[in-house]
């Protein structure tokens, strides 16, 4: 009788142990799911990613207030707003209004494959002292190294070189893979130079300049890429924006037909 009691008690103990083992195993797999693996702790520190601009337009990113500009929505350059270059200048560049075409909301400036390097440029008729400007454009490639799209602020022709010159986007690379800037201070003094990191200018980009009494700031797609802050080189007399494609021969033979497409030019305070 005692033996039966002992055996029965032993069986009950083993059964309880087995049930407990099944429950523990079941819970472990329920918690782990199909992606079971050892737990890992978070690193003590992570790399800090610099904040990206919320918009690719400097005007939107910094809340500039628009005061004018041109969307190029017509069928020709609006000559009530712009002066269109025509003729030959002192550098023997040949300008023709025919090379500035407005269609489908774009201004296209085309340099021809001719010995004269016939091209086009337009200048805003109203001057102002200080302000902000932004241009949306792209520059197809391959292009001739002699054709250089340039967006700049320039003083009255009769006041040059005293007024100075702010070339806020200038492109000489025939592959159109970087942008440059030059500052010519009052009296045409050399006030500095910037070259951007590699950027595919055959795609659409926004080029902006902020001209203040103590500095000039360059923006590309809402990001600062250059600052001129030496007071003696900051122009202080009225200027206007010009959009042009210069031509400087770089070798024998005819240049490659080259263009720059401009979606809009906007002015801000």
C-alpha atoms as a PDB file:
ATOM      1  CA  UNK A   1       0.000   0.000   0.000  1.00  0.00           C
ATOM      2  CA  UNK A   2       2.751   2.430   0.893  1.00  0.00           C
ATOM      3  CA  UNK A   3       4.539   1.605  -2.390  1.00  0.00           C
ATOM      4  CA  UNK A   4       1.418   2.530  -4.391  1.00  0.00           C
ATOM      5  CA  UNK A   5       1.122   5.838  -2.562  1.00  0.00           C
ATOM      6  CA  UNK A   6       4.770   6.654  -3.194  1.00  0.00           C
ATOM      7  CA  UNK A   7       4.481   5.789  -6.910  1.00  0.00           C
ATOM      8  CA  UNK A   8       1.311   7.823  -7.274  1.00  0.00           C
ATOM      9  CA  UNK A   9       2.905  10.817  -5.578  1.00  0.00           C
ATOM     10  CA  UNK A  10       5.972  10.566  -7.838  1.00  0.00           C
ATOM     11  CA  UNK A  11       3.780  10.477 -10.955  1.00  0.00           C
ATOM     12  CA  UNK A  12       1.892  13.564  -9.864  1.00  0.00           C
ATOM     13  CA  UNK A  13       5.169  15.450  -9.300  1.00  0.00           C
ATOM     14  CA  UNK A  14       6.542  14.499 -12.751  1.00  0.00           C
ATOM     15  CA  UNK A  15       3.287  15.514 -14.409  1.00  0.00           C
ATOM     16  CA  UNK A  16       3.378  18.915 -12.723  1.00  0.00           C
ATOM     17  CA  UNK A  17       6.988  19.457 -13.834  1.00  0.00           C
ATOM     18  CA  UNK A  18       6.083  18.554 -17.432  1.00  0.00           C
ATOM     19  CA  UNK A  19       3.123  20.936 -17.492  1.00  0.00           C
ATOM     20  CA  UNK A  20       5.285  23.762 -16.157  1.00  0.00           C
ATOM     21  CA  UNK A  21       7.961  23.102 -18.786  1.00  0.00           C
ATOM     22  CA  UNK A  22       5.370  23.199 -21.578  1.00  0.00           C
ATOM     23  CA  UNK A  23       3.979  26.524 -20.311  1.00  0.00           C
ATOM     24  CA  UNK A  24       7.442  28.131 -20.083  1.00  0.00           C
ATOM     25  CA  UNK A  25       8.395  26.981 -23.601  1.00  0.00           C
ATOM     26  CA  UNK A  26       5.083  28.182 -25.002  1.00  0.00           C
ATOM     27  CA  UNK A  27       5.470  31.626 -23.454  1.00  0.00           C
ATOM     28  CA  UNK A  28       9.008  31.982 -24.779  1.00  0.00           C
ATOM     29  CA  UNK A  29       7.956  31.353 -28.378  1.00  0.00           C
ATOM     30  CA  UNK A  30       4.845  33.505 -28.063  1.00  0.00           C
ATOM     31  CA  UNK A  31       7.009  36.470 -27.011  1.00  0.00           C
ATOM     32  CA  UNK A  32       9.746  35.922 -29.606  1.00  0.00           C
ATOM     33  CA  UNK A  33       7.583  35.570 -32.736  1.00  0.00           C
ATOM     34  CA  UNK A  34       9.074  34.584 -36.093  1.00  0.00           C
ATOM     35  CA  UNK A  35      12.004  37.027 -35.792  1.00  0.00           C
ATOM     36  CA  UNK A  36      13.472  35.461 -32.671  1.00  0.00           C
ATOM     37  CA  UNK A  37      16.975  36.561 -31.714  1.00  0.00           C
ATOM     38  CA  UNK A  38      19.036  38.011 -28.908  1.00  0.00           C
ATOM     39  CA  UNK A  39      18.043  41.458 -27.664  1.00  0.00           C
ATOM     40  CA  UNK A  40      20.472  44.283 -28.345  1.00  0.00           C
ATOM     41  CA  UNK A  41      20.783  47.594 -26.555  1.00  0.00           C
ATOM     42  CA  UNK A  42      20.747  50.957 -28.377  1.00  0.00           C
ATOM     43  CA  UNK A  43      24.133  52.599 -28.958  1.00  0.00           C
ATOM     44  CA  UNK A  44      25.124  55.262 -26.493  1.00  0.00           C
ATOM     45  CA  UNK A  45      25.232  57.928 -29.245  1.00  0.00           C
ATOM     46  CA  UNK A  46      24.156  58.233 -32.872  1.00  0.00           C
ATOM     47  CA  UNK A  47      25.471  60.368 -35.727  1.00  0.00           C
ATOM     48  CA  UNK A  48      23.761  63.744 -35.911  1.00  0.00           C
ATOM     49  CA  UNK A  49      22.277  64.379 -39.374  1.00  0.00           C
ATOM     50  CA  UNK A  50      22.294  68.095 -40.252  1.00  0.00           C
ATOM     51  CA  UNK A  51      18.802  69.439 -40.902  1.00  0.00           C
ATOM     52  CA  UNK A  52      17.829  69.688 -44.542  1.00  0.00           C
ATOM     53  CA  UNK A  53      16.022  72.772 -45.807  1.00  0.00           C
ATOM     54  CA  UNK A  54      12.246  72.472 -45.835  1.00  0.00           C
ATOM     55  CA  UNK A  55      12.124  73.909 -49.363  1.00  0.00           C
ATOM     56  CA  UNK A  56      14.531  74.155 -52.271  1.00  0.00           C
ATOM     57  CA  UNK A  57      13.724  77.844 -52.703  1.00  0.00           C
ATOM     58  CA  UNK A  58      15.650  80.190 -50.433  1.00  0.00           C
ATOM     59  CA  UNK A  59      12.633  82.525 -50.480  1.00  0.00           C
ATOM     60  CA  UNK A  60      10.344  79.833 -49.066  1.00  0.00           C
ATOM     61  CA  UNK A  61      12.922  78.523 -46.624  1.00  0.00           C
ATOM     62  CA  UNK A  62      13.581  81.963 -45.106  1.00  0.00           C
ATOM     63  CA  UNK A  63      10.191  83.606 -45.560  1.00  0.00           C
ATOM     64  CA  UNK A  64      11.189  86.342 -47.994  1.00  0.00           C
ATOM     65  CA  UNK A  65       8.428  88.718 -49.111  1.00  0.00           C
ATOM     66  CA  UNK A  66       7.999  88.843 -52.878  1.00  0.00           C
ATOM     67  CA  UNK A  67       7.954  92.274 -54.549  1.00  0.00           C
ATOM     68  CA  UNK A  68       8.201  91.437 -58.261  1.00  0.00           C
ATOM     69  CA  UNK A  69       9.652  89.252 -60.975  1.00  0.00           C
ATOM     70  CA  UNK A  70       8.718  87.415 -64.170  1.00  0.00           C
ATOM     71  CA  UNK A  71       7.219  83.941 -64.688  1.00  0.00           C
ATOM     72  CA  UNK A  72       7.807  84.058 -68.481  1.00  0.00           C
ATOM     73  CA  UNK A  73       4.231  82.994 -69.205  1.00  0.00           C
ATOM     74  CA  UNK A  74       3.863  85.022 -72.418  1.00  0.00           C
ATOM     75  CA  UNK A  75       5.085  84.472 -75.965  1.00  0.00           C
ATOM     76  CA  UNK A  76       8.009  86.916 -75.936  1.00  0.00           C
ATOM     77  CA  UNK A  77      10.201  88.847 -73.533  1.00  0.00           C
ATOM     78  CA  UNK A  78       8.199  91.564 -71.785  1.00  0.00           C
ATOM     79  CA  UNK A  79      10.044  94.710 -72.866  1.00  0.00           C
ATOM     80  CA  UNK A  80       8.142  96.833 -70.349  1.00  0.00           C
ATOM     81  CA  UNK A  81      10.147  94.989 -67.687  1.00  0.00           C
ATOM     82  CA  UNK A  82      13.326  93.965 -69.501  1.00  0.00           C
ATOM     83  CA  UNK A  83      15.875  95.576 -71.774  1.00  0.00           C
ATOM     84  CA  UNK A  84      16.926  93.011 -74.413  1.00  0.00           C
ATOM     85  CA  UNK A  85      20.553  93.195 -75.532  1.00  0.00           C
ATOM     86  CA  UNK A  86      21.097  93.959 -79.225  1.00  0.00           C
ATOM     87  CA  UNK A  87      24.297  94.593 -81.152  1.00  0.00           C
ATOM     88  CA  UNK A  88      27.983  94.143 -80.364  1.00  0.00           C
ATOM     89  CA  UNK A  89      29.611  95.279 -77.142  1.00  0.00           C
ATOM     90  CA  UNK A  90      33.186  96.280 -76.273  1.00  0.00           C
ATOM     91  CA  UNK A  91      34.126  92.619 -75.790  1.00  0.00           C
ATOM     92  CA  UNK A  92      32.974  91.780 -79.337  1.00  0.00           C
ATOM     93  CA  UNK A  93      30.085  89.718 -78.020  1.00  0.00           C
ATOM     94  CA  UNK A  94      27.185  89.644 -80.480  1.00  0.00           C
ATOM     95  CA  UNK A  95      23.719  89.979 -78.939  1.00  0.00           C
ATOM     96  CA  UNK A  96      20.458  89.302 -80.749  1.00  0.00           C
ATOM     97  CA  UNK A  97      16.890  89.486 -79.338  1.00  0.00           C
ATOM     98  CA  UNK A  98      16.054  86.512 -81.569  1.00  0.00           C
ATOM     99  CA  UNK A  99      18.110  84.291 -79.285  1.00  0.00           C
ATOM    100  CA  UNK A 100      15.813  84.967 -76.315  1.00  0.00           C
ATOM    101  CA  UNK A 101      12.659  82.881 -76.826  1.00  0.00           C
ATOM    102  CA  UNK A 102       9.667  82.689 -74.476  1.00  0.00           C
ATOM    103  CA  UNK A 103       7.431  79.629 -74.833  1.00  0.00           C
ATOM    104  CA  UNK A 104       5.541  77.245 -72.551  1.00  0.00           C
ATOM    105  CA  UNK A 105       6.433  79.248 -69.457  1.00  0.00           C
ATOM    106  CA  UNK A 106      10.178  79.237 -70.132  1.00  0.00           C
ATOM    107  CA  UNK A 107      12.750  81.757 -71.264  1.00  0.00           C
ATOM    108  CA  UNK A 108      15.357  79.980 -73.409  1.00  0.00           C
ATOM    109  CA  UNK A 109      18.605  81.785 -74.205  1.00  0.00           C
ATOM    110  CA  UNK A 110      20.433  80.097 -77.085  1.00  0.00           C
ATOM    111  CA  UNK A 111      23.952  80.696 -78.329  1.00  0.00           C
ATOM    112  CA  UNK A 112      24.342  79.853 -81.999  1.00  0.00           C
ATOM    113  CA  UNK A 113      26.981  77.772 -83.725  1.00  0.00           C
ATOM    114  CA  UNK A 114      28.338  80.698 -85.718  1.00  0.00           C
ATOM    115  CA  UNK A 115      31.581  82.632 -85.872  1.00  0.00           C
ATOM    116  CA  UNK A 116      30.077  85.601 -84.061  1.00  0.00           C
ATOM    117  CA  UNK A 117      28.909  83.475 -81.135  1.00  0.00           C
ATOM    118  CA  UNK A 118      25.501  85.110 -81.364  1.00  0.00           C
ATOM    119  CA  UNK A 119      23.702  84.915 -78.039  1.00  0.00           C
ATOM    120  CA  UNK A 120      21.249  86.854 -75.868  1.00  0.00           C
ATOM    121  CA  UNK A 121      20.823  88.624 -72.561  1.00  0.00           C
ATOM    122  CA  UNK A 122      18.161  90.649 -70.770  1.00  0.00           C
ATOM    123  CA  UNK A 123      18.411  93.258 -68.011  1.00  0.00           C
ATOM    124  CA  UNK A 124      15.683  94.272 -65.542  1.00  0.00           C
ATOM    125  CA  UNK A 125      14.808  97.925 -66.101  1.00  0.00           C
ATOM    126  CA  UNK A 126      14.387  98.990 -62.479  1.00  0.00           C
ATOM    127  CA  UNK A 127      17.340  99.397 -60.105  1.00  0.00           C
ATOM    128  CA  UNK A 128      17.229  98.964 -56.342  1.00  0.00           C
ATOM    129  CA  UNK A 129      19.721  99.077 -53.494  1.00  0.00           C
ATOM    130  CA  UNK A 130      19.880  95.818 -51.526  1.00  0.00           C
ATOM    131  CA  UNK A 131      17.346  93.031 -51.709  1.00  0.00           C
ATOM    132  CA  UNK A 132      16.931  89.386 -52.672  1.00  0.00           C
ATOM    133  CA  UNK A 133      16.620  87.671 -56.043  1.00  0.00           C
ATOM    134  CA  UNK A 134      16.058  84.037 -57.027  1.00  0.00           C
ATOM    135  CA  UNK A 135      16.184  82.327 -60.436  1.00  0.00           C
ATOM    136  CA  UNK A 136      15.023  78.825 -61.356  1.00  0.00           C
ATOM    137  CA  UNK A 137      16.982  77.433 -64.284  1.00  0.00           C
ATOM    138  CA  UNK A 138      18.704  74.497 -65.900  1.00  0.00           C
ATOM    139  CA  UNK A 139      21.643  74.331 -68.290  1.00  0.00           C
ATOM    140  CA  UNK A 140      21.605  71.547 -70.905  1.00  0.00           C
ATOM    141  CA  UNK A 141      24.849  69.740 -71.747  1.00  0.00           C
ATOM    142  CA  UNK A 142      27.115  69.227 -73.545  1.00  0.00           C
ATOM    143  CA  UNK A 143      27.724  72.922 -74.078  1.00  0.00           C
ATOM    144  CA  UNK A 144      30.484  74.930 -75.649  1.00  0.00           C
ATOM    145  CA  UNK A 145      33.126  76.087 -73.145  1.00  0.00           C
ATOM    146  CA  UNK A 146      32.858  79.558 -74.652  1.00  0.00           C
ATOM    147  CA  UNK A 147      29.182  79.955 -73.756  1.00  0.00           C
ATOM    148  CA  UNK A 148      28.661  80.908 -70.114  1.00  0.00           C
ATOM    149  CA  UNK A 149      25.199  81.387 -68.569  1.00  0.00           C
ATOM    150  CA  UNK A 150      25.412  84.149 -65.954  1.00  0.00           C
ATOM    151  CA  UNK A 151      22.887  85.527 -63.458  1.00  0.00           C
ATOM    152  CA  UNK A 152      24.162  88.749 -61.920  1.00  0.00           C
ATOM    153  CA  UNK A 153      23.400  92.080 -60.313  1.00  0.00           C
ATOM    154  CA  UNK A 154      24.798  95.021 -62.231  1.00  0.00           C
ATOM    155  CA  UNK A 155      24.726  98.780 -61.753  1.00  0.00           C
ATOM    156  CA  UNK A 156      23.717 101.357 -64.298  1.00  0.00           C
ATOM    157  CA  UNK A 157      25.994 101.134 -67.344  1.00  0.00           C
ATOM    158  CA  UNK A 158      26.914 104.783 -66.965  1.00  0.00           C
ATOM    159  CA  UNK A 159      28.007 104.118 -63.391  1.00  0.00           C
ATOM    160  CA  UNK A 160      30.291 101.162 -64.175  1.00  0.00           C
ATOM    161  CA  UNK A 161      32.790 100.204 -62.859  1.00  0.00           C
ATOM    162  CA  UNK A 162      32.104 102.346 -59.803  1.00  0.00           C
ATOM    163  CA  UNK A 163      28.905 100.428 -59.018  1.00  0.00           C
ATOM    164  CA  UNK A 164      30.530  97.002 -58.975  1.00  0.00           C
ATOM    165  CA  UNK A 165      29.090  93.653 -60.066  1.00  0.00           C
ATOM    166  CA  UNK A 166      27.689  90.603 -58.237  1.00  0.00           C
ATOM    167  CA  UNK A 167      27.896  87.429 -60.343  1.00  0.00           C
ATOM    168  CA  UNK A 168      25.826  85.135 -58.133  1.00  0.00           C
ATOM    169  CA  UNK A 169      25.644  82.214 -60.584  1.00  0.00           C
ATOM    170  CA  UNK A 170      28.137  81.808 -63.419  1.00  0.00           C
ATOM    171  CA  UNK A 171      28.824  78.620 -65.397  1.00  0.00           C
ATOM    172  CA  UNK A 172      31.853  77.862 -67.579  1.00  0.00           C
ATOM    173  CA  UNK A 173      31.892  74.071 -67.311  1.00  0.00           C
ATOM    174  CA  UNK A 174      30.748  72.534 -70.653  1.00  0.00           C
ATOM    175  CA  UNK A 175      29.436  69.512 -68.720  1.00  0.00           C
ATOM    176  CA  UNK A 176      27.428  71.861 -66.449  1.00  0.00           C
ATOM    177  CA  UNK A 177      28.464  70.117 -63.218  1.00  0.00           C
ATOM    178  CA  UNK A 178      29.281  73.035 -60.876  1.00  0.00           C
ATOM    179  CA  UNK A 179      28.480  76.717 -60.433  1.00  0.00           C
ATOM    180  CA  UNK A 180      30.786  79.656 -59.684  1.00  0.00           C
ATOM    181  CA  UNK A 181      30.459  83.185 -58.315  1.00  0.00           C
ATOM    182  CA  UNK A 182      32.586  86.317 -58.527  1.00  0.00           C
ATOM    183  CA  UNK A 183      32.253  89.597 -56.673  1.00  0.00           C
ATOM    184  CA  UNK A 184      33.538  92.791 -58.298  1.00  0.00           C
ATOM    185  CA  UNK A 185      33.398  95.498 -55.694  1.00  0.00           C
ATOM    186  CA  UNK A 186      33.152  99.243 -56.328  1.00  0.00           C
ATOM    187  CA  UNK A 187      35.687 100.293 -58.952  1.00  0.00           C
ATOM    188  CA  UNK A 188      35.712  96.728 -60.355  1.00  0.00           C
ATOM    189  CA  UNK A 189      37.942  95.498 -57.520  1.00  0.00           C
ATOM    190  CA  UNK A 190      38.227  91.741 -57.073  1.00  0.00           C
ATOM    191  CA  UNK A 191      36.144  90.998 -53.987  1.00  0.00           C
ATOM    192  CA  UNK A 192      36.206  87.212 -53.905  1.00  0.00           C
ATOM    193  CA  UNK A 193      35.249  83.967 -55.614  1.00  0.00           C
ATOM    194  CA  UNK A 194      33.324  80.784 -54.813  1.00  0.00           C
ATOM    195  CA  UNK A 195      32.984  77.449 -56.592  1.00  0.00           C
ATOM    196  CA  UNK A 196      30.239  75.030 -55.597  1.00  0.00           C
ATOM    197  CA  UNK A 197      30.529  71.336 -54.878  1.00  0.00           C
ATOM    198  CA  UNK A 198      29.601  69.057 -57.816  1.00  0.00           C
ATOM    199  CA  UNK A 199      25.987  69.576 -58.852  1.00  0.00           C
ATOM    200  CA  UNK A 200      24.164  68.476 -62.004  1.00  0.00           C
ATOM    201  CA  UNK A 201      23.018  71.745 -63.529  1.00  0.00           C
ATOM    202  CA  UNK A 202      21.345  69.957 -66.427  1.00  0.00           C
ATOM    203  CA  UNK A 203      18.533  69.440 -63.877  1.00  0.00           C
ATOM    204  CA  UNK A 204      16.379  72.247 -62.464  1.00  0.00           C
ATOM    205  CA  UNK A 205      17.907  74.250 -59.600  1.00  0.00           C
ATOM    206  CA  UNK A 206      17.216  77.511 -57.764  1.00  0.00           C
ATOM    207  CA  UNK A 207      19.947  80.156 -57.608  1.00  0.00           C
ATOM    208  CA  UNK A 208      19.474  83.007 -55.133  1.00  0.00           C
ATOM    209  CA  UNK A 209      21.392  86.005 -53.859  1.00  0.00           C
ATOM    210  CA  UNK A 210      20.780  88.151 -50.785  1.00  0.00           C
ATOM    211  CA  UNK A 211      22.441  91.582 -50.973  1.00  0.00           C
ATOM    212  CA  UNK A 212      22.667  93.387 -47.632  1.00  0.00           C
ATOM    213  CA  UNK A 213      24.735  96.402 -46.502  1.00  0.00           C
ATOM    214  CA  UNK A 214      27.299  94.215 -44.737  1.00  0.00           C
ATOM    215  CA  UNK A 215      27.245  90.961 -46.709  1.00  0.00           C
ATOM    216  CA  UNK A 216      26.211  89.076 -49.826  1.00  0.00           C
ATOM    217  CA  UNK A 217      24.887  85.542 -49.388  1.00  0.00           C
ATOM    218  CA  UNK A 218      24.662  82.942 -52.155  1.00  0.00           C
ATOM    219  CA  UNK A 219      22.069  80.149 -52.104  1.00  0.00           C
ATOM    220  CA  UNK A 220      21.688  77.000 -54.177  1.00  0.00           C
ATOM    221  CA  UNK A 221      18.377  75.173 -53.677  1.00  0.00           C
ATOM    222  CA  UNK A 222      17.846  76.967 -50.377  1.00  0.00           C
ATOM    223  CA  UNK A 223      21.306  76.120 -48.996  1.00  0.00           C
ATOM    224  CA  UNK A 224      24.021  78.737 -48.385  1.00  0.00           C
ATOM    225  CA  UNK A 225      27.109  77.993 -50.474  1.00  0.00           C
ATOM    226  CA  UNK A 226      29.001  81.267 -50.227  1.00  0.00           C
ATOM    227  CA  UNK A 227      29.138  84.520 -48.231  1.00  0.00           C
ATOM    228  CA  UNK A 228      31.005  87.727 -49.109  1.00  0.00           C
ATOM    229  CA  UNK A 229      31.368  89.753 -45.913  1.00  0.00           C
ATOM    230  CA  UNK A 230      34.258  92.164 -46.423  1.00  0.00           C
ATOM    231  CA  UNK A 231      32.574  95.614 -46.265  1.00  0.00           C
ATOM    232  CA  UNK A 232      34.984  97.294 -48.667  1.00  0.00           C
ATOM    233  CA  UNK A 233      33.841  95.022 -51.500  1.00  0.00           C
ATOM    234  CA  UNK A 234      30.069  95.287 -50.923  1.00  0.00           C
ATOM    235  CA  UNK A 235      28.418  97.445 -53.622  1.00  0.00           C
ATOM    236  CA  UNK A 236      26.317 100.270 -52.166  1.00  0.00           C
ATOM    237  CA  UNK A 237      24.682 101.888 -55.200  1.00  0.00           C
ATOM    238  CA  UNK A 238      21.533 100.752 -57.093  1.00  0.00           C
ATOM    239  CA  UNK A 239      21.736  97.602 -59.207  1.00  0.00           C
ATOM    240  CA  UNK A 240      19.455  95.379 -61.291  1.00  0.00           C
ATOM    241  CA  UNK A 241      19.353  91.680 -62.169  1.00  0.00           C
ATOM    242  CA  UNK A 242      20.456  90.449 -65.584  1.00  0.00           C
ATOM    243  CA  UNK A 243      20.048  87.010 -67.169  1.00  0.00           C
ATOM    244  CA  UNK A 244      22.465  86.339 -69.985  1.00  0.00           C
ATOM    245  CA  UNK A 245      24.702  83.841 -71.738  1.00  0.00           C
ATOM    246  CA  UNK A 246      28.091  85.351 -72.484  1.00  0.00           C
ATOM    247  CA  UNK A 247      30.399  84.195 -75.252  1.00  0.00           C
ATOM    248  CA  UNK A 248      34.190  84.083 -75.114  1.00  0.00           C
ATOM    249  CA  UNK A 249      35.860  82.017 -77.878  1.00  0.00           C
ATOM    250  CA  UNK A 250      37.893  79.121 -76.475  1.00  0.00           C
ATOM    251  CA  UNK A 251      39.483  77.807 -79.648  1.00  0.00           C
ATOM    252  CA  UNK A 252      39.319  77.667 -83.450  1.00  0.00           C
ATOM    253  CA  UNK A 253      36.209  76.540 -85.251  1.00  0.00           C
ATOM    254  CA  UNK A 254      32.542  77.185 -84.615  1.00  0.00           C
ATOM    255  CA  UNK A 255      31.157  76.963 -81.091  1.00  0.00           C
ATOM    256  CA  UNK A 256      28.696  74.254 -80.103  1.00  0.00           C
ATOM    257  CA  UNK A 257      25.113  75.499 -79.960  1.00  0.00           C
ATOM    258  CA  UNK A 258      24.376  75.989 -76.257  1.00  0.00           C
ATOM    259  CA  UNK A 259      21.436  77.151 -74.180  1.00  0.00           C
ATOM    260  CA  UNK A 260      20.105  77.940 -70.726  1.00  0.00           C
ATOM    261  CA  UNK A 261      16.445  77.536 -69.770  1.00  0.00           C
ATOM    262  CA  UNK A 262      14.887  79.831 -67.144  1.00  0.00           C
ATOM    263  CA  UNK A 263      11.561  79.054 -65.482  1.00  0.00           C
ATOM    264  CA  UNK A 264      11.241  82.289 -63.494  1.00  0.00           C
ATOM    265  CA  UNK A 265      13.017  85.206 -61.874  1.00  0.00           C
ATOM    266  CA  UNK A 266      11.583  86.520 -58.596  1.00  0.00           C
ATOM    267  CA  UNK A 267      12.508  89.514 -56.457  1.00  0.00           C
ATOM    268  CA  UNK A 268      12.030  89.808 -52.685  1.00  0.00           C
ATOM    269  CA  UNK A 269      12.573  92.203 -49.843  1.00  0.00           C
END
